[in-house]
Amino acid sequence: MKLLIDTHLLVWDAGEYERLSAAAVAWIGDRRNELYFSVASLWEIAIKQGSKKEFGIDPRVLRRGLLDNRYSELPIQSEHAFFVSTLPPIHRDPFDRLLIAQATVEGIILLTANPILAQYPGPIHKV
């Protein structure tokens, strides 16, 4: 199964493993699953690192670690950007909305710990 891992789960998987739920550990740890991270997540981390330092992780180091640990990078395509406009206004975060669009367009399950994202229709699974 293909899984797009949301930004917080990526950060937790990379350095705050204890914050992951047992369900998240099971999904991410299942070697049968193909793991993906979005360029949007790296973009979000880079912006927050430069402004508020919310994420205490270097996006370059995170990317290298993800690629070295069975993750594949999912680029942002114009179709993803266009699909964002069709989403209901449940959540305003542009990065989260782009992740939802990517998962929907690509037919990948978005794995998230965010209960707000789980309210969207589409291939979203809350852990």
N, C-alpha and C. Protein backbone atom coordinates (compact mmCIF):
# COMPACT_ATOMS: atom_id res chain seq x y z
N MET A 1 0.84 -1.16 0.00
CA MET A 1 0.00 0.00 0.00
C MET A 1 0.90 1.24 0.00
N LYS A 2 0.49 2.27 -0.72
CA LYS A 2 1.25 3.52 -0.78
C LYS A 2 0.74 4.48 0.28
N LEU A 3 1.67 5.05 1.06
CA LEU A 3 1.32 5.96 2.13
C LEU A 3 2.08 7.27 1.98
N LEU A 4 1.35 8.37 2.00
CA LEU A 4 1.95 9.70 2.06
C LEU A 4 1.91 10.10 3.53
N ILE A 5 3.07 10.32 4.12
CA ILE A 5 3.16 10.62 5.55
C ILE A 5 3.12 12.13 5.75
N ASP A 6 2.23 12.59 6.64
CA ASP A 6 2.12 14.04 6.83
C ASP A 6 3.33 14.60 7.56
N THR A 7 3.45 15.90 7.59
CA THR A 7 4.65 16.58 8.07
C THR A 7 4.99 16.24 9.51
N HIS A 8 4.01 16.32 10.40
CA HIS A 8 4.30 16.03 11.81
C HIS A 8 4.77 14.59 12.00
N LEU A 9 4.12 13.65 11.35
CA LEU A 9 4.54 12.26 11.48
C LEU A 9 5.96 12.06 10.96
N LEU A 10 6.33 12.76 9.89
CA LEU A 10 7.70 12.68 9.36
C LEU A 10 8.70 13.15 10.41
N VAL A 11 8.41 14.31 11.00
CA VAL A 11 9.31 14.88 12.01
C VAL A 11 9.41 13.96 13.21
N TRP A 12 8.28 13.43 13.64
CA TRP A 12 8.29 12.52 14.79
C TRP A 12 9.05 11.24 14.46
N ASP A 13 8.85 10.71 13.27
CA ASP A 13 9.54 9.49 12.86
C ASP A 13 11.05 9.71 12.81
N ALA A 14 11.46 10.92 12.46
CA ALA A 14 12.89 11.22 12.31
C ALA A 14 13.59 11.54 13.62
N GLY A 15 12.86 12.04 14.62
CA GLY A 15 13.57 12.45 15.82
C GLY A 15 12.80 12.43 17.11
N GLU A 16 11.50 12.26 17.03
CA GLU A 16 10.67 12.22 18.25
C GLU A 16 9.79 10.97 18.19
N TYR A 17 10.45 9.84 17.98
CA TYR A 17 9.76 8.57 17.73
C TYR A 17 8.71 8.25 18.79
N GLU A 18 8.97 8.64 20.03
CA GLU A 18 8.05 8.34 21.12
C GLU A 18 6.70 9.04 20.97
N ARG A 19 6.62 10.06 20.13
CA ARG A 19 5.36 10.77 19.90
C ARG A 19 4.44 10.04 18.93
N LEU A 20 4.98 9.08 18.19
CA LEU A 20 4.16 8.32 17.25
C LEU A 20 3.24 7.37 18.00
N SER A 21 2.00 7.29 17.56
CA SER A 21 1.07 6.33 18.15
C SER A 21 1.47 4.91 17.73
N ALA A 22 0.96 3.94 18.45
CA ALA A 22 1.24 2.54 18.10
C ALA A 22 0.74 2.24 16.68
N ALA A 23 -0.39 2.83 16.31
CA ALA A 23 -0.93 2.62 14.96
C ALA A 23 0.01 3.21 13.91
N ALA A 24 0.55 4.41 14.17
CA ALA A 24 1.48 5.02 13.22
C ALA A 24 2.74 4.18 13.07
N VAL A 25 3.26 3.69 14.17
CA VAL A 25 4.45 2.83 14.13
C VAL A 25 4.17 1.58 13.30
N ALA A 26 2.99 1.00 13.47
CA ALA A 26 2.64 -0.21 12.72
C ALA A 26 2.53 0.08 11.22
N TRP A 27 1.87 1.16 10.84
CA TRP A 27 1.72 1.49 9.43
C TRP A 27 3.06 1.83 8.78
N ILE A 28 3.83 2.67 9.46
CA ILE A 28 5.12 3.09 8.91
C ILE A 28 6.12 1.93 8.91
N GLY A 29 6.07 1.11 9.93
CA GLY A 29 7.01 0.00 10.05
C GLY A 29 6.71 -1.20 9.17
N ASP A 30 5.52 -1.27 8.62
CA ASP A 30 5.15 -2.41 7.77
C ASP A 30 5.91 -2.32 6.45
N ARG A 31 6.84 -3.23 6.24
CA ARG A 31 7.72 -3.20 5.07
C ARG A 31 6.97 -3.40 3.75
N ARG A 32 5.73 -3.84 3.82
CA ARG A 32 4.93 -4.00 2.60
C ARG A 32 4.42 -2.65 2.08
N ASN A 33 4.42 -1.66 2.94
CA ASN A 33 3.94 -0.33 2.56
C ASN A 33 5.05 0.47 1.89
N GLU A 34 4.67 1.23 0.86
CA GLU A 34 5.59 2.16 0.20
C GLU A 34 5.38 3.53 0.84
N LEU A 35 6.44 4.09 1.39
CA LEU A 35 6.35 5.36 2.11
C LEU A 35 6.77 6.52 1.23
N TYR A 36 5.98 7.60 1.28
CA TYR A 36 6.26 8.81 0.51
C TYR A 36 6.23 10.03 1.43
N PHE A 37 7.08 10.99 1.10
CA PHE A 37 7.01 12.31 1.73
C PHE A 37 6.84 13.32 0.62
N SER A 38 6.15 14.39 0.93
CA SER A 38 5.89 15.43 -0.06
C SER A 38 6.94 16.54 0.03
N VAL A 39 7.26 17.09 -1.12
CA VAL A 39 8.10 18.28 -1.16
C VAL A 39 7.43 19.39 -0.35
N ALA A 40 6.10 19.39 -0.29
CA ALA A 40 5.37 20.39 0.49
C ALA A 40 5.75 20.32 1.97
N SER A 41 6.00 19.13 2.48
CA SER A 41 6.41 19.00 3.88
C SER A 41 7.78 19.63 4.12
N LEU A 42 8.70 19.42 3.19
CA LEU A 42 10.03 20.03 3.33
C LEU A 42 9.92 21.55 3.23
N TRP A 43 9.07 22.02 2.35
CA TRP A 43 8.83 23.45 2.18
C TRP A 43 8.28 24.05 3.48
N GLU A 44 7.29 23.38 4.07
CA GLU A 44 6.69 23.84 5.32
C GLU A 44 7.74 23.89 6.43
N ILE A 45 8.56 22.86 6.55
CA ILE A 45 9.59 22.82 7.59
C ILE A 45 10.61 23.94 7.37
N ALA A 46 11.00 24.16 6.12
CA ALA A 46 11.97 25.22 5.82
C ALA A 46 11.42 26.59 6.21
N ILE A 47 10.16 26.84 5.93
CA ILE A 47 9.54 28.12 6.28
C ILE A 47 9.47 28.28 7.80
N LYS A 48 9.01 27.24 8.48
CA LYS A 48 8.88 27.33 9.94
C LYS A 48 10.23 27.38 10.62
N GLN A 49 11.21 26.72 10.07
CA GLN A 49 12.56 26.77 10.63
C GLN A 49 13.12 28.18 10.52
N GLY A 50 12.83 28.83 9.40
CA GLY A 50 13.34 30.18 9.17
C GLY A 50 12.62 31.25 9.96
N SER A 51 11.39 30.98 10.41
CA SER A 51 10.64 32.02 11.11
C SER A 51 10.49 31.73 12.60
N LYS A 52 9.78 30.69 12.94
CA LYS A 52 9.46 30.42 14.34
C LYS A 52 10.32 29.33 14.97
N LYS A 53 11.05 28.60 14.17
CA LYS A 53 11.83 27.47 14.66
C LYS A 53 10.93 26.40 15.30
N GLU A 54 9.67 26.30 14.80
CA GLU A 54 8.74 25.30 15.34
C GLU A 54 9.27 23.89 15.18
N PHE A 55 9.89 23.63 14.04
CA PHE A 55 10.49 22.33 13.80
C PHE A 55 11.99 22.49 13.98
N GLY A 56 12.55 21.81 14.97
CA GLY A 56 13.98 21.91 15.23
C GLY A 56 14.77 20.93 14.38
N ILE A 57 14.48 20.90 13.10
CA ILE A 57 15.15 19.95 12.22
C ILE A 57 15.47 20.64 10.90
N ASP A 58 16.62 20.32 10.36
CA ASP A 58 17.03 20.88 9.08
C ASP A 58 16.34 20.08 7.97
N PRO A 59 15.59 20.73 7.09
CA PRO A 59 14.87 19.99 6.05
C PRO A 59 15.81 19.21 5.12
N ARG A 60 17.02 19.70 4.92
CA ARG A 60 17.98 18.96 4.08
C ARG A 60 18.39 17.65 4.73
N VAL A 61 18.64 17.71 6.03
CA VAL A 61 19.02 16.50 6.77
C VAL A 61 17.84 15.53 6.82
N LEU A 62 16.64 16.06 7.04
CA LEU A 62 15.45 15.22 7.07
C LEU A 62 15.28 14.52 5.73
N ARG A 63 15.38 15.26 4.63
CA ARG A 63 15.21 14.66 3.30
C ARG A 63 16.20 13.52 3.08
N ARG A 64 17.46 13.75 3.40
CA ARG A 64 18.48 12.71 3.20
C ARG A 64 18.15 11.48 4.05
N GLY A 65 17.75 11.70 5.29
CA GLY A 65 17.39 10.59 6.16
C GLY A 65 16.20 9.82 5.65
N LEU A 66 15.21 10.52 5.14
CA LEU A 66 14.02 9.84 4.60
C LEU A 66 14.39 9.00 3.38
N LEU A 67 15.16 9.58 2.47
CA LEU A 67 15.56 8.84 1.27
C LEU A 67 16.41 7.62 1.62
N ASP A 68 17.20 7.74 2.68
CA ASP A 68 18.04 6.61 3.12
C ASP A 68 17.24 5.54 3.86
N ASN A 69 15.99 5.85 4.20
CA ASN A 69 15.17 4.92 5.00
C ASN A 69 13.85 4.60 4.33
N ARG A 70 13.89 4.18 3.11
CA ARG A 70 12.80 3.65 2.30
C ARG A 70 11.69 4.61 1.90
N TYR A 71 11.87 5.89 2.12
CA TYR A 71 10.90 6.87 1.66
C TYR A 71 11.22 7.30 0.24
N SER A 72 10.18 7.61 -0.51
CA SER A 72 10.32 8.20 -1.84
C SER A 72 9.76 9.62 -1.79
N GLU A 73 10.35 10.50 -2.58
CA GLU A 73 9.93 11.89 -2.62
C GLU A 73 8.79 12.07 -3.62
N LEU A 74 7.74 12.76 -3.20
CA LEU A 74 6.61 13.05 -4.08
C LEU A 74 6.66 14.54 -4.45
N PRO A 75 6.97 14.84 -5.71
CA PRO A 75 7.03 16.25 -6.13
C PRO A 75 5.63 16.84 -6.22
N ILE A 76 5.58 18.15 -6.25
CA ILE A 76 4.31 18.86 -6.41
C ILE A 76 4.08 19.05 -7.91
N GLN A 77 2.93 18.60 -8.39
CA GLN A 77 2.54 18.73 -9.80
C GLN A 77 1.42 19.76 -9.91
N SER A 78 1.26 20.33 -11.08
CA SER A 78 0.20 21.32 -11.27
C SER A 78 -1.17 20.74 -10.96
N GLU A 79 -1.40 19.48 -11.29
CA GLU A 79 -2.69 18.85 -11.00
C GLU A 79 -2.99 18.86 -9.51
N HIS A 80 -1.95 18.71 -8.69
CA HIS A 80 -2.13 18.77 -7.23
C HIS A 80 -2.59 20.17 -6.83
N ALA A 81 -1.92 21.16 -7.38
CA ALA A 81 -2.27 22.55 -7.06
C ALA A 81 -3.71 22.87 -7.48
N PHE A 82 -4.10 22.43 -8.66
CA PHE A 82 -5.45 22.69 -9.14
C PHE A 82 -6.50 22.01 -8.25
N PHE A 83 -6.19 20.81 -7.77
CA PHE A 83 -7.16 20.05 -6.98
C PHE A 83 -7.46 20.72 -5.64
N VAL A 84 -6.51 21.48 -5.13
CA VAL A 84 -6.72 22.17 -3.84
C VAL A 84 -7.99 23.01 -3.88
N SER A 85 -8.29 23.62 -5.02
CA SER A 85 -9.47 24.49 -5.12
C SER A 85 -10.78 23.74 -5.00
N THR A 86 -10.76 22.42 -5.15
CA THR A 86 -11.99 21.63 -5.04
C THR A 86 -12.26 21.14 -3.62
N LEU A 87 -11.30 21.35 -2.72
CA LEU A 87 -11.46 20.85 -1.35
C LEU A 87 -12.41 21.74 -0.55
N PRO A 88 -13.22 21.13 0.31
CA PRO A 88 -14.08 21.94 1.16
C PRO A 88 -13.24 22.76 2.15
N PRO A 89 -13.77 23.88 2.63
CA PRO A 89 -13.00 24.77 3.51
C PRO A 89 -12.96 24.31 4.97
N ILE A 90 -12.56 23.09 5.20
CA ILE A 90 -12.50 22.54 6.56
C ILE A 90 -11.29 23.08 7.31
N HIS A 91 -10.20 23.24 6.60
CA HIS A 91 -8.92 23.59 7.22
C HIS A 91 -8.22 24.59 6.31
N ARG A 92 -7.59 25.60 6.88
CA ARG A 92 -6.98 26.66 6.06
C ARG A 92 -5.50 26.44 5.76
N ASP A 93 -4.85 25.54 6.46
CA ASP A 93 -3.41 25.35 6.28
C ASP A 93 -3.09 24.93 4.85
N PRO A 94 -2.37 25.77 4.10
CA PRO A 94 -2.13 25.45 2.68
C PRO A 94 -1.28 24.19 2.48
N PHE A 95 -0.37 23.91 3.39
CA PHE A 95 0.47 22.72 3.25
C PHE A 95 -0.35 21.45 3.46
N ASP A 96 -1.21 21.47 4.47
CA ASP A 96 -2.07 20.30 4.70
C ASP A 96 -3.03 20.09 3.54
N ARG A 97 -3.58 21.18 3.02
CA ARG A 97 -4.50 21.06 1.90
C ARG A 97 -3.80 20.50 0.67
N LEU A 98 -2.55 20.88 0.48
CA LEU A 98 -1.78 20.33 -0.64
C LEU A 98 -1.50 18.84 -0.45
N LEU A 99 -1.20 18.43 0.78
CA LEU A 99 -1.00 17.00 1.05
C LEU A 99 -2.26 16.20 0.75
N ILE A 100 -3.41 16.73 1.13
CA ILE A 100 -4.68 16.06 0.84
C ILE A 100 -4.87 15.95 -0.67
N ALA A 101 -4.60 17.03 -1.38
CA ALA A 101 -4.74 17.02 -2.84
C ALA A 101 -3.80 16.00 -3.47
N GLN A 102 -2.56 15.97 -3.02
CA GLN A 102 -1.60 15.01 -3.57
C GLN A 102 -2.07 13.58 -3.35
N ALA A 103 -2.50 13.29 -2.13
CA ALA A 103 -2.95 11.93 -1.82
C ALA A 103 -4.14 11.55 -2.69
N THR A 104 -5.07 12.47 -2.85
CA THR A 104 -6.28 12.18 -3.62
C THR A 104 -5.95 11.97 -5.10
N VAL A 105 -5.20 12.90 -5.67
CA VAL A 105 -4.85 12.81 -7.09
C VAL A 105 -4.04 11.56 -7.39
N GLU A 106 -3.10 11.24 -6.51
CA GLU A 106 -2.20 10.11 -6.75
C GLU A 106 -2.76 8.76 -6.27
N GLY A 107 -3.89 8.79 -5.56
CA GLY A 107 -4.46 7.56 -5.05
C GLY A 107 -3.62 6.93 -3.95
N ILE A 108 -3.02 7.78 -3.13
CA ILE A 108 -2.16 7.35 -2.02
C ILE A 108 -2.88 7.68 -0.72
N ILE A 109 -2.77 6.83 0.27
CA ILE A 109 -3.37 7.11 1.57
C ILE A 109 -2.52 8.14 2.31
N LEU A 110 -3.15 9.22 2.76
CA LEU A 110 -2.47 10.21 3.59
C LEU A 110 -2.58 9.74 5.03
N LEU A 111 -1.45 9.47 5.64
CA LEU A 111 -1.39 9.05 7.04
C LEU A 111 -1.15 10.29 7.88
N THR A 112 -2.03 10.55 8.84
CA THR A 112 -1.94 11.78 9.64
C THR A 112 -2.35 11.52 11.09
N ALA A 113 -1.86 12.36 11.97
CA ALA A 113 -2.29 12.35 13.36
C ALA A 113 -3.28 13.48 13.61
N ASN A 114 -3.57 14.26 12.60
CA ASN A 114 -4.40 15.46 12.72
C ASN A 114 -5.87 15.11 12.51
N PRO A 115 -6.69 15.25 13.56
CA PRO A 115 -8.12 14.90 13.42
C PRO A 115 -8.87 15.81 12.45
N ILE A 116 -8.39 17.03 12.24
CA ILE A 116 -9.04 17.93 11.29
C ILE A 116 -8.87 17.40 9.86
N LEU A 117 -7.67 16.93 9.53
CA LEU A 117 -7.45 16.39 8.18
C LEU A 117 -8.30 15.16 7.93
N ALA A 118 -8.54 14.40 8.96
CA ALA A 118 -9.33 13.19 8.81
C ALA A 118 -10.79 13.48 8.46
N GLN A 119 -11.21 14.73 8.58
CA GLN A 119 -12.59 15.12 8.23
C GLN A 119 -12.79 15.25 6.72
N TYR A 120 -11.71 15.35 5.98
CA TYR A 120 -11.81 15.51 4.52
C TYR A 120 -12.21 14.19 3.88
N PRO A 121 -12.95 14.28 2.78
CA PRO A 121 -13.20 13.07 2.01
C PRO A 121 -11.91 12.65 1.30
N GLY A 122 -11.80 11.41 1.01
CA GLY A 122 -10.62 10.95 0.27
C GLY A 122 -9.82 9.94 1.05
N PRO A 123 -8.66 9.62 0.53
CA PRO A 123 -7.83 8.55 1.10
C PRO A 123 -6.99 9.03 2.28
N ILE A 124 -7.66 9.29 3.40
CA ILE A 124 -6.99 9.83 4.58
C ILE A 124 -7.22 8.87 5.74
N HIS A 125 -6.15 8.56 6.45
CA HIS A 125 -6.25 7.65 7.60
C HIS A 125 -5.59 8.31 8.80
N LYS A 126 -6.35 8.47 9.87
CA LYS A 126 -5.82 9.06 11.11
C LYS A 126 -5.26 7.96 11.99
N VAL A 127 -4.04 8.21 12.49
CA VAL A 127 -3.39 7.25 13.41
C VAL A 127 -3.07 7.93 14.73
